[in-house]
């Protein structure tokens, strides 16, 4: 039986999907810093970020957890963090958002921006 938690986001190897239901456990309660991509299946720049996030998860997996949240199927979390544009990236550390970035970017730039919070 389906529960309405449709996973419409394109699956990326090494990048888990989180939902309104498990956001607190998977992101807020995580031991590692967590990079959350707020994304949507209709967003071309979001799809463009898939390979970048997959590579980042593979390379930085010991220091950083990388997840995606579909804004269309998870409005509670999306609204709680006032996400208006996709993709929006937020880094959570110790349960708190410590950095926010909007828009697609190459892996090199994303790593540079993440270096100050890792």
C-alpha atoms as a PDB file:
ATOM      1  CA  UNK A   1       0.000   0.000   0.000  1.00  0.00           C
ATOM      2  CA  UNK A   2       1.362   3.438  -0.928  1.00  0.00           C
ATOM      3  CA  UNK A   3       1.426   6.123   1.711  1.00  0.00           C
ATOM      4  CA  UNK A   4       1.511   9.186  -0.500  1.00  0.00           C
ATOM      5  CA  UNK A   5       5.245   9.678   0.008  1.00  0.00           C
ATOM      6  CA  UNK A   6       5.982   9.556  -3.706  1.00  0.00           C
ATOM      7  CA  UNK A   7       9.666   9.646  -4.543  1.00  0.00           C
ATOM      8  CA  UNK A   8       9.633  11.723  -7.686  1.00  0.00           C
ATOM      9  CA  UNK A   9      13.192  12.991  -7.303  1.00  0.00           C
ATOM     10  CA  UNK A  10      15.717  11.380  -9.615  1.00  0.00           C
ATOM     11  CA  UNK A  11      17.717   8.844  -7.614  1.00  0.00           C
ATOM     12  CA  UNK A  12      21.409   9.618  -7.261  1.00  0.00           C
ATOM     13  CA  UNK A  13      23.869   6.961  -6.094  1.00  0.00           C
ATOM     14  CA  UNK A  14      25.014   7.653  -2.537  1.00  0.00           C
ATOM     15  CA  UNK A  15      22.397  10.368  -1.987  1.00  0.00           C
ATOM     16  CA  UNK A  16      19.441   9.404   0.178  1.00  0.00           C
ATOM     17  CA  UNK A  17      15.986  10.950  -0.095  1.00  0.00           C
ATOM     18  CA  UNK A  18      14.517  12.416   3.077  1.00  0.00           C
ATOM     19  CA  UNK A  19      10.919  13.408   3.789  1.00  0.00           C
ATOM     20  CA  UNK A  20       8.925  15.533   6.213  1.00  0.00           C
ATOM     21  CA  UNK A  21       8.488  12.353   8.254  1.00  0.00           C
ATOM     22  CA  UNK A  22      12.154  11.403   8.668  1.00  0.00           C
ATOM     23  CA  UNK A  23      13.868  14.817   8.318  1.00  0.00           C
ATOM     24  CA  UNK A  24      14.401  15.200  12.051  1.00  0.00           C
ATOM     25  CA  UNK A  25      15.952  11.748  12.452  1.00  0.00           C
ATOM     26  CA  UNK A  26      18.034  11.821   9.250  1.00  0.00           C
ATOM     27  CA  UNK A  27      19.166  15.462   9.232  1.00  0.00           C
ATOM     28  CA  UNK A  28      18.599  17.180  12.585  1.00  0.00           C
ATOM     29  CA  UNK A  29      19.782  14.142  14.557  1.00  0.00           C
ATOM     30  CA  UNK A  30      22.704  13.234  12.276  1.00  0.00           C
ATOM     31  CA  UNK A  31      26.190  13.007  13.757  1.00  0.00           C
ATOM     32  CA  UNK A  32      27.867  14.262  10.582  1.00  0.00           C
ATOM     33  CA  UNK A  33      27.149  17.619   8.959  1.00  0.00           C
ATOM     34  CA  UNK A  34      24.372  17.139   6.384  1.00  0.00           C
ATOM     35  CA  UNK A  35      24.038  18.802   2.982  1.00  0.00           C
ATOM     36  CA  UNK A  36      20.361  18.901   2.017  1.00  0.00           C
ATOM     37  CA  UNK A  37      19.372  19.646  -1.563  1.00  0.00           C
ATOM     38  CA  UNK A  38      15.819  20.972  -1.701  1.00  0.00           C
ATOM     39  CA  UNK A  39      14.832  19.804  -5.157  1.00  0.00           C
ATOM     40  CA  UNK A  40      11.980  19.030  -7.550  1.00  0.00           C
ATOM     41  CA  UNK A  41      11.650  16.695 -10.518  1.00  0.00           C
ATOM     42  CA  UNK A  42      10.508  19.585 -12.764  1.00  0.00           C
ATOM     43  CA  UNK A  43      13.663  21.627 -12.035  1.00  0.00           C
ATOM     44  CA  UNK A  44      16.356  21.314 -14.767  1.00  0.00           C
ATOM     45  CA  UNK A  45      19.165  22.828 -12.612  1.00  0.00           C
ATOM     46  CA  UNK A  46      18.253  20.292  -9.891  1.00  0.00           C
ATOM     47  CA  UNK A  47      18.663  17.410 -12.328  1.00  0.00           C
ATOM     48  CA  UNK A  48      21.971  18.929 -13.424  1.00  0.00           C
ATOM     49  CA  UNK A  49      23.199  18.708  -9.808  1.00  0.00           C
ATOM     50  CA  UNK A  50      22.618  14.933  -9.572  1.00  0.00           C
ATOM     51  CA  UNK A  51      26.092  13.858 -10.764  1.00  0.00           C
ATOM     52  CA  UNK A  52      27.723  16.604  -8.665  1.00  0.00           C
ATOM     53  CA  UNK A  53      25.941  15.429  -5.501  1.00  0.00           C
ATOM     54  CA  UNK A  54      26.730  11.786  -6.260  1.00  0.00           C
ATOM     55  CA  UNK A  55      30.437  12.586  -6.656  1.00  0.00           C
ATOM     56  CA  UNK A  56      30.399  14.729  -3.517  1.00  0.00           C
ATOM     57  CA  UNK A  57      28.753  11.943  -1.504  1.00  0.00           C
ATOM     58  CA  UNK A  58      31.344   9.443  -2.753  1.00  0.00           C
ATOM     59  CA  UNK A  59      34.325  11.704  -2.033  1.00  0.00           C
ATOM     60  CA  UNK A  60      33.221  13.319   1.240  1.00  0.00           C
ATOM     61  CA  UNK A  61      31.043  10.544   2.718  1.00  0.00           C
ATOM     62  CA  UNK A  62      33.180  10.225   5.844  1.00  0.00           C
ATOM     63  CA  UNK A  63      32.840  13.946   6.628  1.00  0.00           C
ATOM     64  CA  UNK A  64      29.468  14.859   5.123  1.00  0.00           C
ATOM     65  CA  UNK A  65      26.078  13.230   4.630  1.00  0.00           C
ATOM     66  CA  UNK A  66      24.336  14.260   1.384  1.00  0.00           C
ATOM     67  CA  UNK A  67      20.536  14.009   1.033  1.00  0.00           C
ATOM     68  CA  UNK A  68      17.739  15.310  -1.186  1.00  0.00           C
ATOM     69  CA  UNK A  69      14.283  16.510  -0.186  1.00  0.00           C
ATOM     70  CA  UNK A  70      11.512  16.791  -2.800  1.00  0.00           C
ATOM     71  CA  UNK A  71       9.808  20.135  -2.170  1.00  0.00           C
ATOM     72  CA  UNK A  72       6.580  19.080  -3.872  1.00  0.00           C
ATOM     73  CA  UNK A  73       5.933  16.086  -1.629  1.00  0.00           C
ATOM     74  CA  UNK A  74       7.421  17.553   1.566  1.00  0.00           C
ATOM     75  CA  UNK A  75       5.876  21.002   2.111  1.00  0.00           C
ATOM     76  CA  UNK A  76       6.277  21.073   5.902  1.00  0.00           C
ATOM     77  CA  UNK A  77      10.077  21.002   5.855  1.00  0.00           C
ATOM     78  CA  UNK A  78      10.257  23.189   2.747  1.00  0.00           C
ATOM     79  CA  UNK A  79       8.106  25.876   4.400  1.00  0.00           C
ATOM     80  CA  UNK A  80       9.807  25.553   7.790  1.00  0.00           C
ATOM     81  CA  UNK A  81      13.132  26.552   6.216  1.00  0.00           C
ATOM     82  CA  UNK A  82      11.534  29.129   3.877  1.00  0.00           C
ATOM     83  CA  UNK A  83      12.837  27.486   0.720  1.00  0.00           C
ATOM     84  CA  UNK A  84      11.540  29.393  -2.299  1.00  0.00           C
ATOM     85  CA  UNK A  85      13.971  28.538  -5.111  1.00  0.00           C
ATOM     86  CA  UNK A  86      15.306  25.251  -6.410  1.00  0.00           C
ATOM     87  CA  UNK A  87      17.835  23.959  -5.992  1.00  0.00           C
ATOM     88  CA  UNK A  88      18.503  25.300  -2.511  1.00  0.00           C
ATOM     89  CA  UNK A  89      21.314  23.685  -0.558  1.00  0.00           C
ATOM     90  CA  UNK A  90      21.428  23.873   3.227  1.00  0.00           C
ATOM     91  CA  UNK A  91      24.128  22.540   5.486  1.00  0.00           C
ATOM     92  CA  UNK A  92      22.978  21.365   8.918  1.00  0.00           C
ATOM     93  CA  UNK A  93      25.465  20.820  11.715  1.00  0.00           C
ATOM     94  CA  UNK A  94      24.450  19.904  15.244  1.00  0.00           C
ATOM     95  CA  UNK A  95      20.803  20.070  14.178  1.00  0.00           C
ATOM     96  CA  UNK A  96      21.003  23.691  13.017  1.00  0.00           C
ATOM     97  CA  UNK A  97      21.225  25.176   9.513  1.00  0.00           C
ATOM     98  CA  UNK A  98      24.674  26.777   9.263  1.00  0.00           C
ATOM     99  CA  UNK A  99      24.833  27.646   5.547  1.00  0.00           C
ATOM    100  CA  UNK A 100      22.400  28.141   2.691  1.00  0.00           C
ATOM    101  CA  UNK A 101      23.149  28.358  -1.042  1.00  0.00           C
ATOM    102  CA  UNK A 102      20.742  28.813  -3.952  1.00  0.00           C
ATOM    103  CA  UNK A 103      21.279  27.631  -7.516  1.00  0.00           C
ATOM    104  CA  UNK A 104      23.236  24.999  -9.391  1.00  0.00           C
ATOM    105  CA  UNK A 105      27.021  25.177  -9.213  1.00  0.00           C
ATOM    106  CA  UNK A 106      29.995  23.094 -10.305  1.00  0.00           C
ATOM    107  CA  UNK A 107      31.452  20.617  -7.814  1.00  0.00           C
ATOM    108  CA  UNK A 108      34.629  22.674  -7.320  1.00  0.00           C
ATOM    109  CA  UNK A 109      32.627  25.738  -6.257  1.00  0.00           C
ATOM    110  CA  UNK A 110      30.322  23.674  -4.046  1.00  0.00           C
ATOM    111  CA  UNK A 111      33.359  22.153  -2.287  1.00  0.00           C
ATOM    112  CA  UNK A 112      34.846  25.616  -1.758  1.00  0.00           C
ATOM    113  CA  UNK A 113      31.596  26.848  -0.216  1.00  0.00           C
ATOM    114  CA  UNK A 114      31.322  23.754   1.977  1.00  0.00           C
ATOM    115  CA  UNK A 115      34.932  23.955   3.210  1.00  0.00           C
ATOM    116  CA  UNK A 116      34.075  26.672   5.731  1.00  0.00           C
ATOM    117  CA  UNK A 117      31.421  24.536   7.439  1.00  0.00           C
ATOM    118  CA  UNK A 118      33.047  21.070   7.336  1.00  0.00           C
END
